[in-house]
Full PDB file with SEQRES, HELIX, SHEET, SSBOND, CRYST1, ORIGX, SCALE, CONECT and MASTER records, all heavy atoms in Angstrom:
SEQRES   1 A   39  ARG LEU SER CYS ALA ALA SER GLY SER ILE SER PHE ILE          
SEQRES   2 A   39  ASN TYR MET GLY TRP TYR ARG GLN ALA PRO GLY LYS GLN          
SEQRES   3 A   39  ARG ASP LEU VAL ALA GLY ILE THR ARG ILE GLY ILE SER          
SHEET    1 AA1 2 TYR A  15  ARG A  20  0                                        
SHEET    2 AA1 2 ASP A  28  THR A  34 -1                                        
CRYST1    1.000    1.000    1.000  90.00  90.00  90.00 P 1           1          
ORIGX1      1.000000  0.000000  0.000000        0.00000                         
ORIGX2      0.000000  1.000000  0.000000        0.00000                         
ORIGX3      0.000000  0.000000  1.000000        0.00000                         
SCALE1      1.000000  0.000000  0.000000        0.00000                         
SCALE2      0.000000  1.000000  0.000000        0.00000                         
SCALE3      0.000000  0.000000  1.000000        0.00000                         
ATOM      1  N   ARG A   1      52.094  -8.778  78.261  1.00  0.00           N  
ATOM      2  CA  ARG A   1      52.159  -7.687  77.303  1.00  0.00           C  
ATOM      3  C   ARG A   1      52.965  -6.552  77.906  1.00  0.00           C  
ATOM      4  O   ARG A   1      52.593  -6.016  78.955  1.00  0.00           O  
ATOM      5  CB  ARG A   1      50.764  -7.178  76.939  1.00  0.00           C  
ATOM      6  CG  ARG A   1      50.765  -6.165  75.794  1.00  0.00           C  
ATOM      7  CD  ARG A   1      49.413  -5.539  75.632  1.00  0.00           C  
ATOM      8  NE  ARG A   1      49.267  -4.809  74.379  1.00  0.00           N  
ATOM      9  CZ  ARG A   1      48.521  -3.725  74.234  1.00  0.00           C  
ATOM     10  NH1 ARG A   1      47.852  -3.236  75.264  1.00  0.00           N  
ATOM     11  NH2 ARG A   1      48.430  -3.131  73.057  1.00  0.00           N  
ATOM     12  N   LEU A   2      54.053  -6.207  77.246  1.00  0.00           N  
ATOM     13  CA  LEU A   2      54.891  -5.106  77.693  1.00  0.00           C  
ATOM     14  C   LEU A   2      54.505  -3.823  76.949  1.00  0.00           C  
ATOM     15  O   LEU A   2      54.127  -3.868  75.784  1.00  0.00           O  
ATOM     16  CB  LEU A   2      56.362  -5.401  77.432  1.00  0.00           C  
ATOM     17  CG  LEU A   2      56.926  -6.701  78.015  1.00  0.00           C  
ATOM     18  CD1 LEU A   2      58.419  -6.800  77.716  1.00  0.00           C  
ATOM     19  CD2 LEU A   2      56.678  -6.799  79.496  1.00  0.00           C  
ATOM     20  N   SER A   3      54.619  -2.711  77.667  1.00  0.00           N  
ATOM     21  CA  SER A   3      54.375  -1.403  77.069  1.00  0.00           C  
ATOM     22  C   SER A   3      55.546  -0.488  77.370  1.00  0.00           C  
ATOM     23  O   SER A   3      56.185  -0.607  78.417  1.00  0.00           O  
ATOM     24  CB  SER A   3      53.100  -0.777  77.628  1.00  0.00           C  
ATOM     25  OG  SER A   3      51.974  -1.566  77.351  1.00  0.00           O  
ATOM     26  N   CYS A   4      55.811   0.423  76.457  1.00  0.00           N  
ATOM     27  CA  CYS A   4      56.863   1.419  76.657  1.00  0.00           C  
ATOM     28  C   CYS A   4      56.370   2.734  76.076  1.00  0.00           C  
ATOM     29  O   CYS A   4      56.157   2.831  74.861  1.00  0.00           O  
ATOM     30  CB  CYS A   4      58.155   0.979  75.996  1.00  0.00           C  
ATOM     31  SG  CYS A   4      59.466   2.221  76.020  1.00  0.00           S  
ATOM     32  N   ALA A   5      56.195   3.710  76.946  1.00  0.00           N  
ATOM     33  CA  ALA A   5      55.707   5.027  76.529  1.00  0.00           C  
ATOM     34  C   ALA A   5      56.835   6.046  76.581  1.00  0.00           C  
ATOM     35  O   ALA A   5      57.508   6.170  77.601  1.00  0.00           O  
ATOM     36  CB  ALA A   5      54.558   5.463  77.413  1.00  0.00           C  
ATOM     37  N   ALA A   6      57.006   6.753  75.491  1.00  0.00           N  
ATOM     38  CA  ALA A   6      58.037   7.800  75.416  1.00  0.00           C  
ATOM     39  C   ALA A   6      57.400   9.159  75.633  1.00  0.00           C  
ATOM     40  O   ALA A   6      56.296   9.434  75.143  1.00  0.00           O  
ATOM     41  CB  ALA A   6      58.734   7.751  74.068  1.00  0.00           C  
ATOM     42  N   SER A   7      58.119  10.011  76.357  1.00  0.00           N  
ATOM     43  CA  SER A   7      57.632  11.381  76.597  1.00  0.00           C  
ATOM     44  C   SER A   7      58.820  12.329  76.640  1.00  0.00           C  
ATOM     45  O   SER A   7      59.967  11.909  76.740  1.00  0.00           O  
ATOM     46  CB  SER A   7      56.848  11.452  77.905  1.00  0.00           C  
ATOM     47  OG  SER A   7      57.674  11.124  79.000  1.00  0.00           O  
ATOM     48  N   GLY A   8      58.504  13.626  76.551  1.00  0.00           N  
ATOM     49  CA  GLY A   8      59.569  14.623  76.589  1.00  0.00           C  
ATOM     50  C   GLY A   8      59.718  15.317  75.251  1.00  0.00           C  
ATOM     51  O   GLY A   8      58.753  15.501  74.517  1.00  0.00           O  
ATOM     52  N   SER A   9      60.951  15.673  74.938  1.00  0.00           N  
ATOM     53  CA  SER A   9      61.246  16.403  73.702  1.00  0.00           C  
ATOM     54  C   SER A   9      61.316  15.438  72.522  1.00  0.00           C  
ATOM     55  O   SER A   9      62.389  14.994  72.117  1.00  0.00           O  
ATOM     56  CB  SER A   9      62.575  17.146  73.847  1.00  0.00           C  
ATOM     57  OG  SER A   9      62.531  18.056  74.925  1.00  0.00           O  
ATOM     58  N   ILE A  10      60.156  15.115  71.997  1.00  0.00           N  
ATOM     59  CA  ILE A  10      60.064  14.125  70.927  1.00  0.00           C  
ATOM     60  C   ILE A  10      59.538  14.785  69.670  1.00  0.00           C  
ATOM     61  O   ILE A  10      58.447  15.335  69.671  1.00  0.00           O  
ATOM     62  CB  ILE A  10      59.127  12.974  71.320  1.00  0.00           C  
ATOM     63  CG1 ILE A  10      59.656  12.259  72.560  1.00  0.00           C  
ATOM     64  CG2 ILE A  10      58.988  11.994  70.158  1.00  0.00           C  
ATOM     65  CD1 ILE A  10      58.705  11.246  73.124  1.00  0.00           C  
ATOM     66  N   SER A  11      60.333  14.707  68.622  1.00  0.00           N  
ATOM     67  CA  SER A  11      59.892  15.248  67.348  1.00  0.00           C  
ATOM     68  C   SER A  11      59.390  14.146  66.418  1.00  0.00           C  
ATOM     69  O   SER A  11      58.339  14.267  65.799  1.00  0.00           O  
ATOM     70  CB  SER A  11      61.037  16.004  66.683  1.00  0.00           C  
ATOM     71  OG  SER A  11      62.171  15.163  66.551  1.00  0.00           O  
ATOM     72  N   PHE A  12      60.148  13.083  66.373  1.00  0.00           N  
ATOM     73  CA  PHE A  12      59.848  12.023  65.427  1.00  0.00           C  
ATOM     74  C   PHE A  12      60.564  10.765  65.862  1.00  0.00           C  
ATOM     75  O   PHE A  12      61.790  10.731  65.918  1.00  0.00           O  
ATOM     76  CB  PHE A  12      60.342  12.456  64.034  1.00  0.00           C  
ATOM     77  CG  PHE A  12      59.998  11.520  62.913  1.00  0.00           C  
ATOM     78  CD1 PHE A  12      58.807  11.660  62.236  1.00  0.00           C  
ATOM     79  CD2 PHE A  12      60.866  10.515  62.535  1.00  0.00           C  
ATOM     80  CE1 PHE A  12      58.478  10.799  61.192  1.00  0.00           C  
ATOM     81  CE2 PHE A  12      60.553   9.660  61.497  1.00  0.00           C  
ATOM     82  CZ  PHE A  12      59.359   9.808  60.826  1.00  0.00           C  
ATOM     83  N   ILE A  13      59.816   9.725  66.179  1.00  0.00           N  
ATOM     84  CA  ILE A  13      60.433   8.462  66.587  1.00  0.00           C  
ATOM     85  C   ILE A  13      60.538   7.550  65.373  1.00  0.00           C  
ATOM     86  O   ILE A  13      59.532   7.139  64.804  1.00  0.00           O  
ATOM     87  CB  ILE A  13      59.631   7.761  67.688  1.00  0.00           C  
ATOM     88  CG1 ILE A  13      59.511   8.659  68.916  1.00  0.00           C  
ATOM     89  CG2 ILE A  13      60.305   6.439  68.066  1.00  0.00           C  
ATOM     90  CD1 ILE A  13      58.702   8.052  70.049  1.00  0.00           C  
ATOM     91  N   ASN A  14      61.760   7.274  64.978  1.00  0.00           N  
ATOM     92  CA  ASN A  14      61.968   6.412  63.821  1.00  0.00           C  
ATOM     93  C   ASN A  14      61.722   4.950  64.177  1.00  0.00           C  
ATOM     94  O   ASN A  14      60.756   4.339  63.757  1.00  0.00           O  
ATOM     95  CB  ASN A  14      63.400   6.582  63.300  1.00  0.00           C  
ATOM     96  CG  ASN A  14      63.683   7.991  62.868  1.00  0.00           C  
ATOM     97  OD1 ASN A  14      62.883   8.631  62.200  1.00  0.00           O  
ATOM     98  ND2 ASN A  14      64.828   8.510  63.270  1.00  0.00           N  
ATOM     99  N   TYR A  15      62.597   4.438  64.989  1.00  0.00           N  
ATOM    100  CA  TYR A  15      62.602   3.015  65.275  1.00  0.00           C  
ATOM    101  C   TYR A  15      62.266   2.773  66.741  1.00  0.00           C  
ATOM    102  O   TYR A  15      62.678   3.543  67.619  1.00  0.00           O  
ATOM    103  CB  TYR A  15      63.992   2.458  64.967  1.00  0.00           C  
ATOM    104  CG  TYR A  15      64.196   1.004  65.274  1.00  0.00           C  
ATOM    105  CD1 TYR A  15      63.866   0.027  64.353  1.00  0.00           C  
ATOM    106  CD2 TYR A  15      64.734   0.609  66.492  1.00  0.00           C  
ATOM    107  CE1 TYR A  15      64.062  -1.316  64.643  1.00  0.00           C  
ATOM    108  CE2 TYR A  15      64.941  -0.728  66.780  1.00  0.00           C  
ATOM    109  CZ  TYR A  15      64.600  -1.684  65.848  1.00  0.00           C  
ATOM    110  OH  TYR A  15      64.791  -3.008  66.122  1.00  0.00           O  
ATOM    111  N   MET A  16      61.496   1.758  67.002  1.00  0.00           N  
ATOM    112  CA  MET A  16      61.183   1.359  68.372  1.00  0.00           C  
ATOM    113  C   MET A  16      61.444  -0.137  68.479  1.00  0.00           C  
ATOM    114  O   MET A  16      61.084  -0.896  67.567  1.00  0.00           O  
ATOM    115  CB  MET A  16      59.727   1.672  68.733  1.00  0.00           C  
ATOM    116  CG  MET A  16      59.332   3.118  68.482  1.00  0.00           C  
ATOM    117  SD  MET A  16      57.644   3.509  68.995  1.00  0.00           S  
ATOM    118  CE  MET A  16      57.905   3.893  70.738  1.00  0.00           C  
ATOM    119  N   GLY A  17      62.048  -0.529  69.569  1.00  0.00           N  
ATOM    120  CA  GLY A  17      62.375  -1.939  69.693  1.00  0.00           C  
ATOM    121  C   GLY A  17      62.431  -2.414  71.125  1.00  0.00           C  
ATOM    122  O   GLY A  17      62.427  -1.626  72.069  1.00  0.00           O  
ATOM    123  N   TRP A  18      62.449  -3.722  71.262  1.00  0.00           N  
ATOM    124  CA  TRP A  18      62.595  -4.390  72.553  1.00  0.00           C  
ATOM    125  C   TRP A  18      63.838  -5.267  72.508  1.00  0.00           C  
ATOM    126  O   TRP A  18      64.061  -6.004  71.546  1.00  0.00           O  
ATOM    127  CB  TRP A  18      61.381  -5.248  72.858  1.00  0.00           C  
ATOM    128  CG  TRP A  18      60.154  -4.469  73.178  1.00  0.00           C  
ATOM    129  CD1 TRP A  18      59.150  -4.115  72.332  1.00  0.00           C  
ATOM    130  CD2 TRP A  18      59.804  -3.921  74.455  1.00  0.00           C  
ATOM    131  NE1 TRP A  18      58.199  -3.388  72.982  1.00  0.00           N  
ATOM    132  CE2 TRP A  18      58.569  -3.259  74.304  1.00  0.00           C  
ATOM    133  CE3 TRP A  18      60.406  -3.928  75.716  1.00  0.00           C  
ATOM    134  CZ2 TRP A  18      57.931  -2.608  75.357  1.00  0.00           C  
ATOM    135  CZ3 TRP A  18      59.775  -3.287  76.755  1.00  0.00           C  
ATOM    136  CH2 TRP A  18      58.548  -2.638  76.575  1.00  0.00           C  
ATOM    137  N   TYR A  19      64.621  -5.166  73.556  1.00  0.00           N  
ATOM    138  CA  TYR A  19      65.804  -5.989  73.737  1.00  0.00           C  
ATOM    139  C   TYR A  19      65.654  -6.725  75.068  1.00  0.00           C  
ATOM    140  O   TYR A  19      64.841  -6.337  75.905  1.00  0.00           O  
ATOM    141  CB  TYR A  19      67.065  -5.121  73.778  1.00  0.00           C  
ATOM    142  CG  TYR A  19      67.429  -4.492  72.461  1.00  0.00           C  
ATOM    143  CD1 TYR A  19      66.642  -3.486  71.909  1.00  0.00           C  
ATOM    144  CD2 TYR A  19      68.558  -4.906  71.758  1.00  0.00           C  
ATOM    145  CE1 TYR A  19      66.969  -2.911  70.697  1.00  0.00           C  
ATOM    146  CE2 TYR A  19      68.898  -4.327  70.542  1.00  0.00           C  
ATOM    147  CZ  TYR A  19      68.099  -3.336  70.024  1.00  0.00           C  
ATOM    148  OH  TYR A  19      68.430  -2.770  68.818  1.00  0.00           O  
ATOM    149  N   ARG A  20      66.448  -7.755  75.248  1.00  0.00           N  
ATOM    150  CA  ARG A  20      66.438  -8.446  76.530  1.00  0.00           C  
ATOM    151  C   ARG A  20      67.829  -8.895  76.916  1.00  0.00           C  
ATOM    152  O   ARG A  20      68.674  -9.130  76.047  1.00  0.00           O  
ATOM    153  CB  ARG A  20      65.480  -9.633  76.509  1.00  0.00           C  
ATOM    154  CG  ARG A  20      65.884 -10.781  75.599  1.00  0.00           C  
ATOM    155  CD  ARG A  20      64.783 -11.844  75.580  1.00  0.00           C  
ATOM    156  NE  ARG A  20      65.128 -12.991  74.730  1.00  0.00           N  
ATOM    157  CZ  ARG A  20      64.264 -13.965  74.427  1.00  0.00           C  
ATOM    158  NH1 ARG A  20      63.012 -13.935  74.910  1.00  0.00           N  
ATOM    159  NH2 ARG A  20      64.646 -14.958  73.654  1.00  0.00           N  
ATOM    160  N   GLN A  21      68.007  -9.000  78.224  1.00  0.00           N  
ATOM    161  CA  GLN A  21      69.304  -9.404  78.749  1.00  0.00           C  
ATOM    162  C   GLN A  21      69.095 -10.354  79.919  1.00  0.00           C  
ATOM    163  O   GLN A  21      68.513  -9.973  80.937  1.00  0.00           O  
ATOM    164  CB  GLN A  21      70.112  -8.190  79.196  1.00  0.00           C  
ATOM    165  CG  GLN A  21      71.532  -8.514  79.605  1.00  0.00           C  
ATOM    166  CD  GLN A  21      72.373  -7.261  79.773  1.00  0.00           C  
ATOM    167  OE1 GLN A  21      71.861  -6.156  79.963  1.00  0.00           O  
ATOM    168  NE2 GLN A  21      73.684  -7.424  79.683  1.00  0.00           N  
ATOM    169  N   ALA A  22      69.557 -11.569  79.734  1.00  0.00           N  
ATOM    170  CA  ALA A  22      69.507 -12.562  80.801  1.00  0.00           C  
ATOM    171  C   ALA A  22      70.795 -12.462  81.618  1.00  0.00           C  
ATOM    172  O   ALA A  22      71.810 -11.966  81.118  1.00  0.00           O  
ATOM    173  CB  ALA A  22      69.351 -13.952  80.206  1.00  0.00           C  
ATOM    174  N   PRO A  23      70.785 -12.943  82.850  1.00  0.00           N  
ATOM    175  CA  PRO A  23      71.985 -12.874  83.695  1.00  0.00           C  
ATOM    176  C   PRO A  23      73.195 -13.520  83.022  1.00  0.00           C  
ATOM    177  O   PRO A  23      73.110 -14.641  82.525  1.00  0.00           O  
ATOM    178  CB  PRO A  23      71.575 -13.643  84.951  1.00  0.00           C  
ATOM    179  CG  PRO A  23      70.100 -13.489  85.013  1.00  0.00           C  
ATOM    180  CD  PRO A  23      69.639 -13.507  83.586  1.00  0.00           C  
ATOM    181  N   GLY A  24      74.290 -12.787  82.982  1.00  0.00           N  
ATOM    182  CA  GLY A  24      75.517 -13.306  82.404  1.00  0.00           C  
ATOM    183  C   GLY A  24      75.571 -13.319  80.899  1.00  0.00           C  
ATOM    184  O   GLY A  24      76.532 -13.833  80.312  1.00  0.00           O  
ATOM    185  N   LYS A  25      74.550 -12.751  80.267  1.00  0.00           N  
ATOM    186  CA  LYS A  25      74.510 -12.752  78.801  1.00  0.00           C  
ATOM    187  C   LYS A  25      74.442 -11.330  78.266  1.00  0.00           C  
ATOM    188  O   LYS A  25      74.167 -10.390  79.002  1.00  0.00           O  
ATOM    189  CB  LYS A  25      73.307 -13.565  78.309  1.00  0.00           C  
ATOM    190  CG  LYS A  25      73.380 -15.039  78.666  1.00  0.00           C  
ATOM    191  CD  LYS A  25      72.271 -15.824  77.993  1.00  0.00           C  
ATOM    192  CE  LYS A  25      72.397 -17.319  78.287  1.00  0.00           C  
ATOM    193  NZ  LYS A  25      71.335 -18.102  77.600  1.00  0.00           N  
ATOM    194  N   GLN A  26      74.699 -11.184  76.991  1.00  0.00           N  
ATOM    195  CA  GLN A  26      74.638  -9.864  76.380  1.00  0.00           C  
ATOM    196  C   GLN A  26      73.196  -9.472  76.101  1.00  0.00           C  
ATOM    197  O   GLN A  26      72.304 -10.306  76.096  1.00  0.00           O  
ATOM    198  CB  GLN A  26      75.448  -9.860  75.082  1.00  0.00           C  
ATOM    199  CG  GLN A  26      74.868 -10.731  73.978  1.00  0.00           C  
ATOM    200  CD  GLN A  26      75.721 -10.682  72.717  1.00  0.00           C  
ATOM    201  OE1 GLN A  26      76.890 -10.311  72.741  1.00  0.00           O  
ATOM    202  NE2 GLN A  26      75.127 -11.054  71.593  1.00  0.00           N  
ATOM    203  N   ARG A  27      73.012  -8.180  75.884  1.00  0.00           N  
ATOM    204  CA  ARG A  27      71.688  -7.674  75.549  1.00  0.00           C  
ATOM    205  C   ARG A  27      71.441  -7.900  74.063  1.00  0.00           C  
ATOM    206  O   ARG A  27      72.229  -7.464  73.211  1.00  0.00           O  
ATOM    207  CB  ARG A  27      71.595  -6.183  75.888  1.00  0.00           C  
ATOM    208  CG  ARG A  27      70.211  -5.611  75.770  1.00  0.00           C  
ATOM    209  CD  ARG A  27      70.184  -4.161  76.229  1.00  0.00           C  
ATOM    210  NE  ARG A  27      70.576  -4.017  77.630  1.00  0.00           N  
ATOM    211  CZ  ARG A  27      70.528  -2.846  78.271  1.00  0.00           C  
ATOM    212  NH1 ARG A  27      70.106  -1.759  77.660  1.00  0.00           N  
ATOM    213  NH2 ARG A  27      70.915  -2.791  79.537  1.00  0.00           N  
ATOM    214  N   ASP A  28      70.344  -8.563  73.750  1.00  0.00           N  
ATOM    215  CA  ASP A  28      70.029  -8.921  72.372  1.00  0.00           C  
ATOM    216  C   ASP A  28      68.695  -8.347  71.933  1.00  0.00           C  
ATOM    217  O   ASP A  28      67.774  -8.179  72.739  1.00  0.00           O  
ATOM    218  CB  ASP A  28      69.976 -10.447  72.205  1.00  0.00           C  
ATOM    219  CG  ASP A  28      71.328 -11.103  72.371  1.00  0.00           C  
ATOM    220  OD1 ASP A  28      72.338 -10.509  71.949  1.00  0.00           O  
ATOM    221  OD2 ASP A  28      71.367 -12.214  72.928  1.00  0.00           O  
ATOM    222  N   LEU A  29      68.587  -8.112  70.636  1.00  0.00           N  
ATOM    223  CA  LEU A  29      67.332  -7.652  70.067  1.00  0.00           C  
ATOM    224  C   LEU A  29      66.284  -8.757  70.129  1.00  0.00           C  
ATOM    225  O   LEU A  29      66.555  -9.909  69.779  1.00  0.00           O  
ATOM    226  CB  LEU A  29      67.538  -7.237  68.615  1.00  0.00           C  
ATOM    227  CG  LEU A  29      66.278  -6.871  67.835  1.00  0.00           C  
ATOM    228  CD1 LEU A  29      65.687  -5.565  68.358  1.00  0.00           C  
ATOM    229  CD2 LEU A  29      66.580  -6.756  66.346  1.00  0.00           C  
ATOM    230  N   VAL A  30      65.090  -8.392  70.560  1.00  0.00           N  
ATOM    231  CA  VAL A  30      63.954  -9.299  70.540  1.00  0.00           C  
ATOM    232  C   VAL A  30      63.075  -9.002  69.328  1.00  0.00           C  
ATOM    233  O   VAL A  30      62.738  -9.896  68.548  1.00  0.00           O  
ATOM    234  CB  VAL A  30      63.117  -9.175  71.823  1.00  0.00           C  
ATOM    235  CG1 VAL A  30      61.874 -10.060  71.749  1.00  0.00           C  
ATOM    236  CG2 VAL A  30      63.955  -9.511  73.046  1.00  0.00           C  
ATOM    237  N   ALA A  31      62.709  -7.724  69.175  1.00  0.00           N  
ATOM    238  CA  ALA A  31      61.854  -7.315  68.067  1.00  0.00           C  
ATOM    239  C   ALA A  31      61.990  -5.812  67.880  1.00  0.00           C  
ATOM    240  O   ALA A  31      62.242  -5.080  68.833  1.00  0.00           O  
ATOM    241  CB  ALA A  31      60.401  -7.688  68.324  1.00  0.00           C  
ATOM    242  N   GLY A  32      61.795  -5.377  66.637  1.00  0.00           N  
ATOM    243  CA  GLY A  32      61.843  -3.961  66.344  1.00  0.00           C  
ATOM    244  C   GLY A  32      60.798  -3.608  65.305  1.00  0.00           C  
ATOM    245  O   GLY A  32      60.308  -4.482  64.570  1.00  0.00           O  
ATOM    246  N   ILE A  33      60.449  -2.325  65.256  1.00  0.00           N  
ATOM    247  CA  ILE A  33      59.422  -1.889  64.322  1.00  0.00           C  
ATOM    248  C   ILE A  33      59.708  -0.463  63.885  1.00  0.00           C  
ATOM    249  O   ILE A  33      60.068   0.395  64.695  1.00  0.00           O  
ATOM    250  CB  ILE A  33      58.008  -2.017  64.959  1.00  0.00           C  
ATOM    251  CG1 ILE A  33      56.920  -1.721  63.933  1.00  0.00           C  
ATOM    252  CG2 ILE A  33      57.868  -1.149  66.198  1.00  0.00           C  
ATOM    253  CD1 ILE A  33      55.524  -2.125  64.408  1.00  0.00           C  
ATOM    254  N   THR A  34      59.567  -0.221  62.588  1.00  0.00           N  
ATOM    255  CA  THR A  34      59.770   1.127  62.071  1.00  0.00           C  
ATOM    256  C   THR A  34      58.486   1.945  62.199  1.00  0.00           C  
ATOM    257  O   THR A  34      57.428   1.424  62.553  1.00  0.00           O  
ATOM    258  CB  THR A  34      60.169   1.074  60.589  1.00  0.00           C  
ATOM    259  OG1 THR A  34      59.039   0.594  59.824  1.00  0.00           O  
ATOM    260  CG2 THR A  34      61.344   0.137  60.360  1.00  0.00           C  
ATOM    261  N   ARG A  35      58.595   3.206  61.869  1.00  0.00           N  
ATOM    262  CA  ARG A  35      57.438   4.096  62.011  1.00  0.00           C  
ATOM    263  C   ARG A  35      56.281   3.658  61.111  1.00  0.00           C  
ATOM    264  O   ARG A  35      55.118   3.840  61.470  1.00  0.00           O  
ATOM    265  CB  ARG A  35      57.836   5.530  61.709  1.00  0.00           C  
ATOM    266  CG  ARG A  35      56.713   6.532  61.968  1.00  0.00           C  
ATOM    267  CD  ARG A  35      57.197   7.962  61.876  1.00  0.00           C  
ATOM    268  NE  ARG A  35      56.131   8.895  62.173  1.00  0.00           N  
ATOM    269  CZ  ARG A  35      55.776   9.273  63.395  1.00  0.00           C  
ATOM    270  NH1 ARG A  35      56.430   8.790  64.438  1.00  0.00           N  
ATOM    271  NH2 ARG A  35      54.783  10.119  63.583  1.00  0.00           N  
ATOM    272  N   ILE A  36      56.604   3.056  59.982  1.00  0.00           N  
ATOM    273  CA  ILE A  36      55.526   2.647  59.070  1.00  0.00           C  
ATOM    274  C   ILE A  36      55.118   1.196  59.306  1.00  0.00           C  
ATOM    275  O   ILE A  36      54.340   0.644  58.516  1.00  0.00           O  
ATOM    276  CB  ILE A  36      55.938   2.854  57.599  1.00  0.00           C  
ATOM    277  CG1 ILE A  36      57.174   2.026  57.252  1.00  0.00           C  
ATOM    278  CG2 ILE A  36      56.158   4.327  57.311  1.00  0.00           C  
ATOM    279  CD1 ILE A  36      57.503   2.029  55.766  1.00  0.00           C  
ATOM    280  N   GLY A  37      55.618   0.599  60.355  1.00  0.00           N  
ATOM    281  CA  GLY A  37      55.117  -0.702  60.755  1.00  0.00           C  
ATOM    282  C   GLY A  37      55.867  -1.915  60.252  1.00  0.00           C  
ATOM    283  O   GLY A  37      55.383  -3.038  60.405  1.00  0.00           O  
ATOM    284  N   ILE A  38      57.030  -1.710  59.695  1.00  0.00           N  
ATOM    285  CA  ILE A  38      57.833  -2.863  59.267  1.00  0.00           C  
ATOM    286  C   ILE A  38      58.543  -3.419  60.489  1.00  0.00           C  
ATOM    287  O   ILE A  38      59.254  -2.704  61.182  1.00  0.00           O  
ATOM    288  CB  ILE A  38      58.843  -2.469  58.187  1.00  0.00           C  
ATOM    289  CG1 ILE A  38      58.121  -1.950  56.954  1.00  0.00           C  
ATOM    290  CG2 ILE A  38      59.727  -3.661  57.826  1.00  0.00           C  
ATOM    291  CD1 ILE A  38      59.015  -1.352  55.912  1.00  0.00           C  
ATOM    292  N   SER A  39      58.354  -4.705  60.748  1.00  0.00           N  
ATOM    293  CA  SER A  39      58.880  -5.300  61.968  1.00  0.00           C  
ATOM    294  C   SER A  39      59.886  -6.412  61.666  1.00  0.00           C  
ATOM    295  O   SER A  39      59.898  -6.985  60.570  1.00  0.00           O  
ATOM    296  CB  SER A  39      57.744  -5.858  62.820  1.00  0.00           C  
ATOM    297  OG  SER A  39      57.015  -6.830  62.099  1.00  0.00           O  
TER     298      SER A  39                                                      
MASTER        0    0    0    0    2    0    0    6  297    1    0    3          
END                                                                             
């Protein structure tokens, strides 16, 4: 289970997502979720 916590000057986080990059490959989207929970 991965976690990512945002801090600092945050007013409103629209989209949150996870990407991954394997050696020698491009960074690709794994999953994303909007503020209202659409994934």
